Amino acid sequence: MQAVYELARNIRLMIFDVDGVLTDGSLFLGDDGQEYKAFHSLDGHGIKMLKNSGVEIAIITGRTSKVVTHRAQNLGITYLYQGVHDKLEAFQHLTEKLGIRFEQCAFMGDDVVDLPAMRRCGLSLTVPQAPDRVKQHAHYVTLKEGGRGAAREVCELIMQAQDTLEAQLSVYLK
């Protein structure tokens, strides 16, 4: 675990996949074509705290959904890439845009389409329900499942490694 904290100390950009990471991977499709997703409020607050601690947040997802746009806006996430078939290309574009090196980025994905970006970033993260091949390439597999607190776990891990967690929590402990 110490090696994971060492990698997390350098993170300046945290990138999340959506389905299976910020959600449990279920897709609810209505007869009208409307798509519904369930997000966990603990994950959302973890993302807000991590952003407040100085780490940029981004989403790179293969699907396109208005609900993801709304969730990103709600969390103050500026960098949102949807409908992405080549996540490594989007990842590279984002690092160039922000002037951040690959090793300063963390990527949290749950399937093989996430592997190119996960293998290139400084800290790769996944969830317990990910395929074994994905877990083999992750520096850390969360204890919590996707859409059930996994993103919060990762956010707190990074803040703990960067000694910013207590400052973020102190607001609530006054």
Protein backbone atom coordinates (compact mmCIF):
# COMPACT_ATOMS: atom_id res chain seq x y z
CA MET A 1 0.00 0.00 0.00
CA GLN A 2 2.93 2.31 0.65
CA ALA A 3 3.84 2.15 -3.05
CA VAL A 4 0.30 3.27 -3.95
CA TYR A 5 0.58 6.25 -1.59
CA GLU A 6 3.91 7.18 -3.19
CA LEU A 7 2.26 7.23 -6.63
CA ALA A 8 -0.79 9.11 -5.29
CA ARG A 9 1.38 11.91 -3.86
CA ASN A 10 2.16 13.10 -7.40
CA ILE A 11 -1.39 13.13 -8.76
CA ARG A 12 -2.60 16.44 -10.20
CA LEU A 13 -5.38 15.06 -12.42
CA MET A 14 -7.92 12.34 -11.52
CA ILE A 15 -9.81 10.84 -14.46
CA PHE A 16 -12.90 8.69 -13.99
CA ASP A 17 -14.75 6.38 -16.33
CA VAL A 18 -18.50 6.40 -15.68
CA ASP A 19 -20.28 3.07 -16.16
CA GLY A 20 -18.97 0.60 -13.61
CA VAL A 21 -16.90 3.23 -11.78
CA LEU A 22 -19.15 6.19 -10.93
CA THR A 23 -22.16 3.88 -11.35
CA ASP A 24 -22.60 0.18 -10.72
CA GLY A 25 -22.58 -0.39 -14.46
CA SER A 26 -26.32 -0.86 -14.84
CA LEU A 27 -27.94 0.94 -17.75
CA PHE A 28 -31.60 1.83 -17.36
CA LEU A 29 -33.20 2.65 -20.70
CA GLY A 30 -36.78 3.89 -20.92
CA ASP A 31 -39.19 3.18 -23.77
CA ASP A 32 -38.74 6.82 -24.75
CA GLY A 33 -34.98 6.27 -25.20
CA GLN A 34 -34.14 8.17 -22.03
CA GLU A 35 -31.13 6.79 -20.15
CA TYR A 36 -30.99 6.69 -16.37
CA LYS A 37 -27.99 6.14 -14.12
CA ALA A 38 -27.62 6.00 -10.35
CA PHE A 39 -24.72 7.86 -8.77
CA HIS A 40 -23.67 7.57 -5.14
CA SER A 41 -23.73 10.82 -3.15
CA LEU A 42 -20.63 9.81 -1.16
CA ASP A 43 -18.67 9.52 -4.41
CA GLY A 44 -19.85 12.97 -5.45
CA HIS A 45 -18.76 14.59 -2.24
CA GLY A 46 -15.40 12.82 -2.40
CA ILE A 47 -14.88 14.22 -5.89
CA LYS A 48 -15.76 17.73 -4.68
CA MET A 49 -13.30 17.45 -1.77
CA LEU A 50 -10.53 16.17 -4.05
CA LYS A 51 -11.15 19.04 -6.45
CA ASN A 52 -11.11 21.51 -3.54
CA SER A 53 -7.78 20.06 -2.46
CA GLY A 54 -6.24 21.15 -5.77
CA VAL A 55 -6.52 18.03 -7.96
CA GLU A 56 -8.22 18.52 -11.33
CA ILE A 57 -11.06 16.14 -12.13
CA ALA A 58 -12.05 14.74 -15.53
CA ILE A 59 -14.43 12.17 -16.94
CA ILE A 60 -13.66 10.11 -20.03
CA THR A 61 -16.44 7.74 -21.03
CA GLY A 62 -17.33 5.70 -24.08
CA ARG A 63 -21.05 6.40 -23.85
CA THR A 64 -22.84 9.72 -24.34
CA SER A 65 -25.54 10.64 -21.86
CA LYS A 66 -27.25 13.84 -20.80
CA VAL A 67 -27.38 12.56 -17.23
CA VAL A 68 -23.56 12.39 -17.19
CA THR A 69 -23.42 15.97 -18.42
CA HIS A 70 -25.73 17.00 -15.59
CA ARG A 71 -23.72 15.04 -13.01
CA ALA A 72 -20.45 16.59 -14.19
CA GLN A 73 -21.96 20.07 -13.99
CA ASN A 74 -23.33 19.33 -10.51
CA LEU A 75 -19.86 18.30 -9.33
CA GLY A 76 -18.06 21.20 -11.03
CA ILE A 77 -16.19 18.92 -13.43
CA THR A 78 -14.98 21.01 -16.36
CA TYR A 79 -13.26 18.30 -18.37
CA LEU A 80 -15.89 15.92 -19.74
CA TYR A 81 -15.21 13.65 -22.71
CA GLN A 82 -18.18 11.53 -23.83
CA GLY A 83 -18.60 9.15 -26.75
CA VAL A 84 -14.87 8.42 -26.66
CA HIS A 85 -13.73 5.30 -28.48
CA ASP A 86 -10.01 5.86 -27.89
CA LYS A 87 -9.64 6.83 -24.24
CA LEU A 88 -5.85 7.06 -24.50
CA GLU A 89 -6.18 9.71 -27.21
CA ALA A 90 -8.57 11.74 -25.03
CA PHE A 91 -6.23 11.25 -22.07
CA GLN A 92 -3.25 12.50 -24.07
CA HIS A 93 -5.24 15.49 -25.35
CA LEU A 94 -6.23 16.40 -21.80
CA THR A 95 -2.68 16.17 -20.42
CA GLU A 96 -1.40 18.39 -23.24
CA LYS A 97 -4.19 20.90 -22.64
CA LEU A 98 -3.44 21.05 -18.90
CA GLY A 99 0.35 20.77 -19.19
CA ILE A 100 0.40 17.73 -16.90
CA ARG A 101 2.72 14.74 -17.30
CA PHE A 102 1.22 11.23 -17.56
CA GLU A 103 2.74 10.20 -14.23
CA GLN A 104 0.81 13.05 -12.55
CA CYS A 105 -2.49 11.51 -13.64
CA ALA A 106 -4.65 8.82 -12.10
CA PHE A 107 -7.17 6.90 -14.19
CA MET A 108 -9.99 4.81 -12.75
CA GLY A 109 -11.60 2.36 -15.15
CA ASP A 110 -13.30 -1.00 -15.00
CA ASP A 111 -13.02 -2.67 -18.40
CA VAL A 112 -10.53 -3.50 -21.14
CA VAL A 113 -11.36 -0.31 -23.07
CA ASP A 114 -9.80 1.58 -20.15
CA LEU A 115 -6.50 -0.34 -20.22
CA PRO A 116 -4.58 1.86 -22.69
CA ALA A 117 -5.09 4.92 -20.44
CA MET A 118 -4.66 2.92 -17.23
CA ARG A 119 -1.35 1.52 -18.45
CA ARG A 120 -0.04 4.99 -19.37
CA CYS A 121 -1.00 6.98 -16.27
CA GLY A 122 0.93 7.32 -13.02
CA LEU A 123 -1.72 5.68 -10.83
CA SER A 124 -4.19 3.16 -12.26
CA LEU A 125 -7.25 2.22 -10.25
CA THR A 126 -10.13 -0.18 -10.66
CA VAL A 127 -13.07 -1.75 -8.86
CA PRO A 128 -13.59 -5.28 -7.50
CA GLN A 129 -16.11 -6.21 -10.21
CA ALA A 130 -13.62 -5.43 -13.02
CA PRO A 131 -12.38 -8.34 -15.13
CA ASP A 132 -9.21 -9.99 -13.86
CA ARG A 133 -7.23 -8.69 -16.84
CA VAL A 134 -8.05 -5.11 -15.79
CA LYS A 135 -7.19 -5.80 -12.14
CA GLN A 136 -3.80 -7.14 -13.24
CA HIS A 137 -2.93 -3.70 -14.63
CA ALA A 138 -4.21 -1.67 -11.69
CA HIS A 139 -1.98 -0.31 -8.95
CA TYR A 140 -4.98 -0.45 -6.63
CA VAL A 141 -8.32 -2.28 -6.58
CA THR A 142 -10.85 -0.56 -4.36
CA LEU A 143 -12.62 -2.33 -1.53
CA LYS A 144 -15.89 -0.62 -2.46
CA GLU A 145 -17.70 -1.44 -5.69
CA GLY A 146 -18.27 0.96 -8.55
CA GLY A 147 -21.22 3.24 -7.88
CA ARG A 148 -21.09 2.21 -4.22
CA GLY A 149 -18.32 4.38 -2.79
CA ALA A 150 -15.31 3.30 -4.90
CA ALA A 151 -14.70 6.83 -6.22
CA ARG A 152 -14.87 8.25 -2.69
CA GLU A 153 -12.35 5.64 -1.54
CA VAL A 154 -9.95 6.69 -4.30
CA CYS A 155 -10.44 10.41 -3.62
CA GLU A 156 -9.68 9.92 0.07
CA LEU A 157 -6.67 7.74 -0.75
CA ILE A 158 -5.18 10.52 -2.89
CA MET A 159 -5.94 13.21 -0.31
CA GLN A 160 -4.47 11.03 2.45
CA ALA A 161 -1.29 10.57 0.41
CA GLN A 162 -1.09 14.32 -0.25
CA ASP A 163 -1.84 15.25 3.37
CA THR A 164 -4.96 17.21 2.36
CA LEU A 165 -7.69 14.92 3.69
CA GLU A 166 -7.78 16.31 7.22
CA ALA A 167 -8.00 19.87 5.91
CA GLN A 168 -10.98 18.90 3.73
CA LEU A 169 -12.69 17.12 6.64
CA SER A 170 -11.93 19.83 9.19
CA VAL A 171 -14.70 22.00 7.72
CA TYR A 172 -17.19 19.47 9.07
CA LEU A 173 -15.49 18.91 12.41
CA LYS A 174 -15.53 22.49 13.74
